[in-house]
Amino acid sequence: MSARARKVTAALAITAVLGVSERCLAQDSAAAEALFDKALADFDAGRLDAACPAFAESQRLDPRPGTLFTLAECEARAGLLASAVGHYGDYLAQFGRMTQAEQKKQRGRDKIALGALEKLRPDVPQLTIVVPEGTPPDASVSRNGKALGRAALGVALPVDPGEHEVVLTLTDGRTSRKALTLAKGAKERVVLDLPAASAPEAPAPASVPPREAPVTTRPGSSPWPWVIGGVGVAGIAVGSVTGLMVLGKKKTIQDHCDGPVCDVTGKEAADSAKTLGWVSTAGFGVGVVGVGVATALLIGGGSQKTERATRTLPVVVATERGAWLGLRGAL
């Protein structure tokens, strides 16, 4: 590309950028004018809460000395004294930079601004914000939601009359705040507190293994009452059968014995009857004891028996004089 072509291209690019900028400025100017007209209508109707913000937005979009002056007038009437004083001062600073022809177009607004400043300044409240010693350097301070630099702390700053909230915020999110209401001409000094330290987390409770509850046996869950009862019933049956057999031997003894003297058949019958009698007595003994123990276990065991109680074993003791049935704990 030749040098001339590059120059033409650059010129076209600049023209395009300027064209876009001019269109943006034209749009902002049109929006600012619409906002100003609406704000002026609200101002004349006494709707200052709507008028003042609209004047401020119009000035932001298209800064003009006349809009700035009207904004200050609105704020003064609304009682926003510090804001009005600031904007009157900005207007006078701009007025001082104007040419005589431009100043002439302002039609004496400079004198009105000077008079307003002289009247309002004594009524502007002043607020001094102080942070405590030990405040971390990275902590932030805000007033009514707007951050304040460290240079603004400890200095009497003009503020509007009314309610204010001052907040000190640490980097970990902890905050301390103070709210106050300032009247015209008030001079207040607020000392913020350091936010309270976060409460330490309670240690987790030590894990304690649960105590094992004793294993209880529900009524009827142990097999031993039924086993012992079965042994008892069998013992009674054996005692009954052998008892009947003894009665059968009695007839043979009577036929083959004369007093204590017996023949061979009588002696065998007598010996057999003696053995059967012993068995019958033992059977009845085991039967009665077994049924009694089984009944006691079924009725009185209940839920009071533990797992250890269920590990008992029946014991049968038989002698020539009788038989006994009992329980012995298993090892």
Protein backbone atom coordinates (compact mmCIF):
# COMPACT_ATOMS: atom_id res chain seq x y z
CA MET A 1 0.00 0.00 0.00
CA SER A 2 1.34 3.40 -0.96
CA ALA A 3 1.87 6.20 1.53
CA ARG A 4 -1.00 8.13 0.03
CA ALA A 5 -3.34 5.15 0.38
CA ARG A 6 -2.36 4.72 4.03
CA LYS A 7 -3.10 8.38 4.70
CA VAL A 8 -6.50 8.10 3.04
CA THR A 9 -7.32 4.98 5.07
CA ALA A 10 -6.28 6.65 8.32
CA ALA A 11 -8.36 9.70 7.51
CA LEU A 12 -11.41 7.58 6.80
CA ALA A 13 -10.93 5.70 10.09
CA ILE A 14 -10.65 8.93 12.06
CA THR A 15 -13.73 10.29 10.32
CA ALA A 16 -15.66 7.13 11.18
CA VAL A 17 -14.62 7.33 14.84
CA LEU A 18 -15.53 10.99 15.00
CA GLY A 19 -18.85 10.23 13.39
CA VAL A 20 -19.65 7.58 15.99
CA SER A 21 -18.55 9.90 18.79
CA GLU A 22 -20.68 12.73 17.45
CA ARG A 23 -23.72 10.44 17.24
CA CYS A 24 -23.16 9.30 20.83
CA LEU A 25 -22.77 12.89 21.99
CA ALA A 26 -25.89 13.88 20.12
CA GLN A 27 -27.84 11.07 21.78
CA ASP A 28 -26.53 12.04 25.23
CA SER A 29 -27.37 15.67 24.56
CA ALA A 30 -30.92 14.78 23.51
CA ALA A 31 -31.39 12.57 26.57
CA ALA A 32 -29.96 15.27 28.84
CA GLU A 33 -32.34 17.85 27.38
CA ALA A 34 -35.34 15.54 27.90
CA LEU A 35 -34.31 14.89 31.49
CA PHE A 36 -33.79 18.60 32.12
CA ASP A 37 -37.27 19.45 30.81
CA LYS A 38 -38.86 16.80 33.02
CA ALA A 39 -36.82 17.91 36.03
CA LEU A 40 -37.80 21.53 35.48
CA ALA A 41 -41.49 20.57 35.39
CA ASP A 42 -41.11 18.61 38.66
CA PHE A 43 -39.16 21.49 40.20
CA ASP A 44 -41.88 24.01 39.36
CA ALA A 45 -44.50 21.60 40.78
CA GLY A 46 -42.56 21.16 44.02
CA ARG A 47 -41.67 17.50 43.37
CA LEU A 48 -38.11 17.98 44.50
CA ASP A 49 -37.42 14.27 45.21
CA ALA A 50 -37.89 13.59 41.48
CA ALA A 51 -36.49 16.87 40.14
CA CYS A 52 -33.06 16.90 41.79
CA PRO A 53 -31.97 13.39 40.64
CA ALA A 54 -33.17 14.20 37.09
CA PHE A 55 -31.12 17.43 37.04
CA ALA A 56 -28.08 15.46 38.26
CA GLU A 57 -28.45 12.82 35.51
CA SER A 58 -28.90 15.49 32.86
CA GLN A 59 -25.70 17.16 34.03
CA ARG A 60 -23.85 13.86 33.92
CA LEU A 61 -24.89 13.14 30.34
CA ASP A 62 -24.27 16.66 29.03
CA PRO A 63 -22.43 18.92 31.50
CA ARG A 64 -23.57 22.55 31.20
CA PRO A 65 -23.18 25.50 33.58
CA GLY A 66 -26.90 26.30 33.45
CA THR A 67 -27.87 22.73 34.41
CA LEU A 68 -25.32 22.73 37.23
CA PHE A 69 -26.72 25.98 38.62
CA THR A 70 -30.32 24.69 38.44
CA LEU A 71 -29.27 21.48 40.21
CA ALA A 72 -27.81 23.53 43.06
CA GLU A 73 -31.02 25.56 43.28
CA CYS A 74 -33.08 22.36 43.51
CA GLU A 75 -30.87 20.90 46.25
CA ALA A 76 -30.97 24.13 48.25
CA ARG A 77 -34.76 24.12 48.17
CA ALA A 78 -34.85 20.40 49.10
CA GLY A 79 -32.66 21.00 52.16
CA LEU A 80 -29.64 19.13 50.77
CA LEU A 81 -27.38 21.88 52.01
CA ALA A 82 -23.96 20.28 51.61
CA SER A 83 -24.80 19.12 48.06
CA ALA A 84 -26.14 22.56 47.13
CA VAL A 85 -23.07 24.33 48.51
CA GLY A 86 -20.80 21.97 46.55
CA HIS A 87 -22.64 22.52 43.28
CA TYR A 88 -22.86 26.30 43.75
CA GLY A 89 -19.10 26.28 44.26
CA ASP A 90 -18.58 24.19 41.10
CA TYR A 91 -20.73 26.61 39.12
CA LEU A 92 -18.77 29.63 40.31
CA ALA A 93 -15.50 27.87 39.41
CA GLN A 94 -16.78 27.29 35.88
CA PHE A 95 -18.08 30.86 35.72
CA GLY A 96 -14.59 32.16 36.52
CA ARG A 97 -13.19 30.29 33.49
CA MET A 98 -15.75 31.74 31.05
CA THR A 99 -15.13 34.52 28.62
CA GLN A 100 -16.92 37.82 29.22
CA ALA A 101 -19.38 36.96 26.46
CA GLU A 102 -20.16 33.60 28.07
CA GLN A 103 -20.49 35.17 31.50
CA LYS A 104 -22.93 37.67 30.11
CA LYS A 105 -25.19 34.85 28.92
CA GLN A 106 -25.52 33.58 32.54
CA ARG A 107 -27.69 36.63 33.37
CA GLY A 108 -26.43 37.18 36.91
CA ARG A 109 -26.48 33.56 38.10
CA ASP A 110 -23.05 34.12 39.63
CA LYS A 111 -24.45 36.67 42.07
CA ILE A 112 -27.29 34.35 43.04
CA ALA A 113 -24.79 31.56 43.66
CA LEU A 114 -22.57 33.78 45.83
CA GLY A 115 -25.58 34.86 47.89
CA ALA A 116 -26.73 31.26 48.33
CA LEU A 117 -23.29 30.18 49.48
CA GLU A 118 -23.13 32.95 52.07
CA LYS A 119 -26.55 31.99 53.38
CA LEU A 120 -26.21 28.18 53.37
CA ARG A 121 -22.67 27.58 54.59
CA PRO A 122 -23.38 28.27 58.30
CA ASP A 123 -26.24 25.72 58.25
CA VAL A 124 -24.29 22.86 56.67
CA PRO A 125 -23.73 20.05 59.21
CA GLN A 126 -20.22 18.69 59.67
CA LEU A 127 -19.42 15.07 60.46
CA THR A 128 -16.04 13.78 61.62
CA ILE A 129 -15.50 10.03 61.35
CA VAL A 130 -12.75 8.38 63.40
CA VAL A 131 -11.64 4.75 63.36
CA PRO A 132 -10.16 3.17 66.52
CA GLU A 133 -6.52 2.35 67.02
CA GLY A 134 -5.59 -1.05 65.71
CA THR A 135 -7.89 -0.84 62.71
CA PRO A 136 -6.29 -2.89 59.91
CA PRO A 137 -5.06 -0.73 57.01
CA ASP A 138 -7.14 -2.73 54.54
CA ALA A 139 -10.40 -2.01 56.39
CA SER A 140 -12.94 0.15 54.55
CA VAL A 141 -15.27 2.91 55.78
CA SER A 142 -18.46 4.02 54.09
CA ARG A 143 -21.04 6.72 54.73
CA ASN A 144 -24.54 6.08 53.46
CA GLY A 145 -23.17 3.34 51.22
CA LYS A 146 -20.41 5.45 49.63
CA ALA A 147 -16.80 4.54 50.35
CA LEU A 148 -14.57 7.10 52.06
CA GLY A 149 -10.81 7.28 51.55
CA ARG A 150 -8.45 7.22 54.52
CA ALA A 151 -7.68 10.89 53.91
CA ALA A 152 -11.33 11.74 54.68
CA LEU A 153 -11.18 10.14 58.15
CA GLY A 154 -10.67 12.46 61.10
CA VAL A 155 -11.69 15.50 59.01
CA ALA A 156 -14.88 17.54 59.53
CA LEU A 157 -16.75 16.91 56.27
CA PRO A 158 -19.87 18.79 55.20
CA VAL A 159 -22.92 16.55 54.92
CA ASP A 160 -26.61 17.05 54.25
CA PRO A 161 -28.96 17.31 57.25
CA GLY A 162 -30.85 14.12 58.07
CA GLU A 163 -30.08 10.49 58.77
CA HIS A 164 -26.65 8.99 58.16
CA GLU A 165 -25.11 5.55 58.64
CA VAL A 166 -21.39 4.98 58.96
CA VAL A 167 -19.97 1.47 58.54
CA LEU A 168 -16.53 0.01 59.21
CA THR A 169 -15.92 -3.24 57.30
CA LEU A 170 -13.01 -5.64 57.71
CA THR A 171 -11.75 -7.87 54.91
CA ASP A 172 -13.28 -10.96 56.52
CA GLY A 173 -16.74 -9.39 56.24
CA ARG A 174 -17.19 -8.36 59.89
CA THR A 175 -18.74 -4.93 60.29
CA SER A 176 -19.58 -2.33 62.91
CA ARG A 177 -21.98 0.51 62.19
CA LYS A 178 -23.37 3.63 63.77
CA ALA A 179 -26.43 5.63 62.75
CA LEU A 180 -27.11 9.25 63.60
CA THR A 181 -29.32 12.16 62.59
CA LEU A 182 -27.81 15.57 61.97
CA ALA A 183 -29.71 18.86 62.16
CA LYS A 184 -28.77 22.12 60.43
CA GLY A 185 -25.45 23.49 61.66
CA ALA A 186 -24.69 20.36 63.77
CA LYS A 187 -21.12 19.30 64.29
CA GLU A 188 -20.76 15.61 65.19
CA ARG A 189 -17.80 13.31 65.79
CA VAL A 190 -18.34 9.57 65.43
CA VAL A 191 -15.80 7.03 66.69
CA LEU A 192 -16.36 3.65 65.11
CA ASP A 193 -15.78 0.40 67.01
CA LEU A 194 -13.75 -2.51 65.79
CA PRO A 195 -16.08 -5.35 64.78
CA ALA A 196 -16.41 -8.02 67.41
CA ALA A 197 -14.20 -11.04 66.92
CA SER A 198 -15.90 -14.08 65.50
CA ALA A 199 -16.82 -16.63 68.14
CA PRO A 200 -14.54 -19.68 67.91
CA GLU A 201 -16.21 -22.73 66.60
CA ALA A 202 -17.14 -25.19 69.32
CA PRO A 203 -15.04 -28.36 69.10
CA ALA A 204 -16.90 -31.32 67.82
CA PRO A 205 -17.94 -33.64 70.65
CA ALA A 206 -15.66 -36.62 71.08
CA SER A 207 -17.00 -39.73 69.51
CA VAL A 208 -18.03 -42.06 72.31
CA PRO A 209 -18.88 -45.59 71.24
CA PRO A 210 -22.38 -46.48 72.34
CA ARG A 211 -22.66 -48.85 75.25
CA GLU A 212 -23.92 -52.23 74.27
CA ALA A 213 -27.26 -52.87 75.85
CA PRO A 214 -27.65 -56.27 77.48
CA VAL A 215 -29.25 -58.76 75.19
CA THR A 216 -32.56 -59.66 76.70
CA THR A 217 -34.48 -62.79 76.10
CA ARG A 218 -38.15 -62.53 75.40
CA PRO A 219 -40.48 -65.02 77.05
CA GLY A 220 -40.36 -68.28 75.18
CA SER A 221 -37.26 -67.40 73.15
CA SER A 222 -35.05 -69.91 75.05
CA PRO A 223 -35.47 -73.57 74.03
CA TRP A 224 -34.55 -74.95 77.46
CA PRO A 225 -37.99 -74.66 79.12
CA TRP A 226 -39.37 -76.86 76.37
CA VAL A 227 -36.46 -79.31 76.52
CA ILE A 228 -36.71 -79.61 80.31
CA GLY A 229 -40.47 -79.89 80.10
CA GLY A 230 -40.12 -82.68 77.51
CA VAL A 231 -37.69 -84.54 79.80
CA GLY A 232 -40.14 -84.15 82.65
CA VAL A 233 -43.05 -85.54 80.63
CA ALA A 234 -40.88 -88.46 79.48
CA GLY A 235 -39.84 -89.13 83.07
CA ILE A 236 -43.47 -89.31 84.19
CA ALA A 237 -44.24 -91.68 81.30
CA VAL A 238 -41.32 -93.96 82.23
CA GLY A 239 -42.34 -93.92 85.90
CA SER A 240 -45.92 -94.86 84.98
CA VAL A 241 -44.93 -97.76 82.67
CA THR A 242 -42.39 -99.24 85.06
CA GLY A 243 -44.85 -98.86 87.92
CA LEU A 244 -47.39 -100.96 86.00
CA MET A 245 -44.68 -103.53 85.32
CA VAL A 246 -43.92 -103.74 89.07
CA LEU A 247 -47.59 -104.52 89.71
CA GLY A 248 -47.36 -107.33 87.13
CA LYS A 249 -44.35 -108.85 88.92
CA LYS A 250 -46.19 -108.82 92.27
CA LYS A 251 -48.51 -111.69 91.19
CA THR A 252 -45.51 -113.87 90.20
CA ILE A 253 -43.78 -113.18 93.51
CA GLN A 254 -46.89 -114.20 95.46
CA ASP A 255 -47.13 -117.51 93.53
CA HIS A 256 -43.44 -118.52 93.83
CA CYS A 257 -42.44 -117.15 97.25
CA ASP A 258 -43.33 -118.19 100.75
CA GLY A 259 -42.38 -115.21 102.85
CA PRO A 260 -38.71 -114.47 102.28
CA VAL A 261 -38.12 -117.93 100.65
CA CYS A 262 -38.59 -118.01 96.83
CA ASP A 263 -37.86 -120.43 94.09
CA VAL A 264 -35.85 -119.45 91.05
CA THR A 265 -38.85 -117.92 89.24
CA GLY A 266 -39.94 -116.00 92.32
CA LYS A 267 -36.42 -114.69 92.99
CA GLU A 268 -36.07 -113.44 89.39
CA ALA A 269 -39.47 -111.77 89.65
CA ALA A 270 -38.48 -110.13 92.98
CA ASP A 271 -35.17 -108.82 91.61
CA SER A 272 -36.86 -107.49 88.48
CA ALA A 273 -39.58 -105.81 90.55
CA LYS A 274 -36.92 -104.14 92.71
CA THR A 275 -35.13 -102.77 89.62
CA LEU A 276 -38.37 -101.64 87.99
CA GLY A 277 -39.43 -99.97 91.23
CA TRP A 278 -36.23 -97.99 91.33
CA VAL A 279 -36.68 -96.95 87.69
CA SER A 280 -40.31 -95.97 88.32
CA THR A 281 -39.33 -93.86 91.32
CA ALA A 282 -36.55 -92.14 89.34
CA GLY A 283 -38.84 -91.55 86.38
CA PHE A 284 -41.53 -89.94 88.50
CA GLY A 285 -38.88 -87.82 90.26
CA VAL A 286 -37.38 -86.55 87.02
CA GLY A 287 -40.82 -85.94 85.58
CA VAL A 288 -42.10 -83.89 88.52
CA VAL A 289 -38.91 -81.81 88.78
CA GLY A 290 -38.69 -81.30 84.98
CA VAL A 291 -42.26 -80.10 84.63
CA GLY A 292 -41.81 -77.79 87.64
CA VAL A 293 -38.56 -76.25 86.38
CA ALA A 294 -39.97 -75.77 82.87
CA THR A 295 -43.06 -74.06 84.25
CA ALA A 296 -40.93 -71.73 86.40
CA LEU A 297 -38.77 -70.76 83.42
CA LEU A 298 -41.74 -70.03 81.20
CA ILE A 299 -43.58 -67.95 83.83
CA GLY A 300 -40.77 -66.18 85.65
CA GLY A 301 -38.02 -65.84 83.01
CA GLY A 302 -39.55 -62.94 80.99
CA SER A 303 -37.42 -60.06 79.82
CA GLN A 304 -35.30 -60.09 82.98
CA LYS A 305 -33.17 -62.94 81.69
CA THR A 306 -30.06 -61.94 79.88
CA GLU A 307 -28.12 -63.74 77.23
CA ARG A 308 -26.09 -65.40 79.98
CA ALA A 309 -29.22 -66.92 81.47
CA THR A 310 -30.12 -68.56 78.18
CA ARG A 311 -26.84 -70.47 78.21
CA THR A 312 -27.86 -72.83 81.05
CA LEU A 313 -27.98 -76.61 80.68
CA PRO A 314 -30.24 -79.15 82.38
CA VAL A 315 -28.57 -81.65 84.77
CA VAL A 316 -30.14 -84.94 85.82
CA VAL A 317 -28.79 -86.64 88.98
CA ALA A 318 -30.09 -90.14 89.63
CA THR A 319 -29.28 -92.33 92.67
CA GLU A 320 -30.72 -95.44 94.21
CA ARG A 321 -32.89 -93.24 96.42
CA GLY A 322 -34.34 -91.09 93.62
CA ALA A 323 -33.53 -88.59 90.86
CA TRP A 324 -33.13 -84.80 90.66
CA LEU A 325 -33.26 -82.43 87.67
CA GLY A 326 -31.56 -79.05 87.86
CA LEU A 327 -29.85 -76.31 85.78
CA ARG A 328 -26.15 -75.60 85.42
CA GLY A 329 -24.64 -72.45 83.77
CA ALA A 330 -22.56 -73.15 80.67
CA LEU A 331 -18.91 -72.02 80.73
